């Protein structure tokens, strides 16, 4: 089943992202290479493709997992969680319709 994982940046997220990004991206590449990633990306904190110092308000990932528990476990093990980039993470089932 597909799951939407939303990570919400904490107040220091913009400063903490760069150090944790390589490990965070490596996990996403693993999902992609396994054919389990539909999309992933950050949400700019302002209406701009490159938010500069404003940073990001969080990120979204849509990926396949065997259960909601597995998706939650994967999300909680994210390097952005460990580094304090995300102050909270929400996981819920997702049903792709289009395209």
Protein backbone atom coordinates (compact mmCIF):
# COMPACT_ATOMS: atom_id res chain seq x y z
CA UNK A 1 0.00 0.00 0.00
CA UNK A 2 1.07 3.59 -0.56
CA UNK A 3 1.63 5.95 2.37
CA UNK A 4 2.04 9.71 2.60
CA UNK A 5 4.77 10.73 5.00
CA UNK A 6 4.84 14.40 5.97
CA UNK A 7 7.74 15.76 7.99
CA UNK A 8 7.33 19.19 9.54
CA UNK A 9 10.48 21.21 10.11
CA UNK A 10 11.23 22.56 13.56
CA UNK A 11 12.56 26.06 14.21
CA UNK A 12 16.18 25.04 13.51
CA UNK A 13 15.36 22.89 10.46
CA UNK A 14 17.03 25.17 7.94
CA UNK A 15 20.33 25.01 9.83
CA UNK A 16 20.17 21.25 10.47
CA UNK A 17 19.13 20.04 7.01
CA UNK A 18 22.52 20.23 5.22
CA UNK A 19 24.34 17.84 7.57
CA UNK A 20 21.54 15.24 7.58
CA UNK A 21 20.65 15.51 3.88
CA UNK A 22 23.08 12.92 2.42
CA UNK A 23 21.80 10.14 4.73
CA UNK A 24 18.19 11.27 4.22
CA UNK A 25 18.62 11.18 0.43
CA UNK A 26 20.31 7.78 0.51
CA UNK A 27 17.19 6.25 2.09
CA UNK A 28 14.99 7.82 -0.58
CA UNK A 29 17.26 6.50 -3.34
CA UNK A 30 16.91 3.01 -1.82
CA UNK A 31 13.11 3.29 -2.03
CA UNK A 32 13.34 4.59 -5.59
CA UNK A 33 15.68 1.84 -6.70
CA UNK A 34 13.33 -0.75 -5.19
CA UNK A 35 10.43 0.72 -7.21
CA UNK A 36 8.64 1.81 -4.03
CA UNK A 37 8.86 5.62 -4.32
CA UNK A 38 6.14 7.63 -6.04
CA UNK A 39 7.45 11.09 -5.10
CA UNK A 40 9.56 12.92 -2.55
CA UNK A 41 10.53 16.51 -2.00
CA UNK A 42 10.72 19.47 0.33
CA UNK A 43 8.06 22.16 0.78
CA UNK A 44 9.57 25.65 0.47
CA UNK A 45 8.63 27.93 3.37
CA UNK A 46 7.90 30.73 0.90
CA UNK A 47 6.43 30.83 -2.61
CA UNK A 48 9.73 30.23 -4.41
CA UNK A 49 11.47 27.25 -5.94
CA UNK A 50 14.63 28.26 -4.06
CA UNK A 51 13.54 29.64 -0.69
CA UNK A 52 17.07 30.67 0.29
CA UNK A 53 17.39 31.47 3.99
CA UNK A 54 13.62 31.01 4.52
CA UNK A 55 14.26 27.29 4.11
CA UNK A 56 11.55 24.66 4.08
CA UNK A 57 8.44 24.05 6.15
CA UNK A 58 8.85 20.30 5.77
CA UNK A 59 8.86 17.48 3.24
CA UNK A 60 6.52 14.96 1.66
CA UNK A 61 7.22 11.37 0.65
CA UNK A 62 4.79 8.96 -1.00
CA UNK A 63 6.11 5.42 -0.89
CA UNK A 64 4.99 1.80 -0.67
CA UNK A 65 5.27 -0.15 2.56
CA UNK A 66 3.80 -3.45 3.73
CA UNK A 67 1.82 -1.74 6.52
CA UNK A 68 1.14 1.52 8.27
CA UNK A 69 3.38 0.36 11.11
CA UNK A 70 6.23 -0.27 8.66
CA UNK A 71 5.76 3.18 7.11
CA UNK A 72 5.77 4.81 10.53
CA UNK A 73 8.89 2.91 11.57
CA UNK A 74 10.67 3.95 8.36
CA UNK A 75 9.64 7.59 8.89
CA UNK A 76 10.75 7.65 12.52
CA UNK A 77 14.17 6.27 11.53
CA UNK A 78 14.76 9.13 9.08
CA UNK A 79 18.01 11.04 9.62
CA UNK A 80 16.01 14.28 9.59
CA UNK A 81 14.18 13.05 12.70
CA UNK A 82 17.42 12.08 14.45
CA UNK A 83 19.05 15.42 13.56
CA UNK A 84 16.08 17.47 14.76
CA UNK A 85 15.19 18.81 11.32
CA UNK A 86 11.63 17.51 11.70
CA UNK A 87 9.76 18.40 14.86
CA UNK A 88 6.97 16.00 13.95
CA UNK A 89 6.12 13.40 11.32
CA UNK A 90 2.68 12.26 10.19
CA UNK A 91 2.05 9.07 8.23
CA UNK A 92 -1.23 8.04 6.63
CA UNK A 93 -2.45 5.78 3.84
CA UNK A 94 -2.45 7.29 0.35
CA UNK A 95 -4.35 6.27 -2.77
CA UNK A 96 -2.81 7.46 -6.06
CA UNK A 97 -5.48 8.31 -8.64
CA UNK A 98 -3.81 10.48 -11.30
CA UNK A 99 -1.82 10.49 -13.51
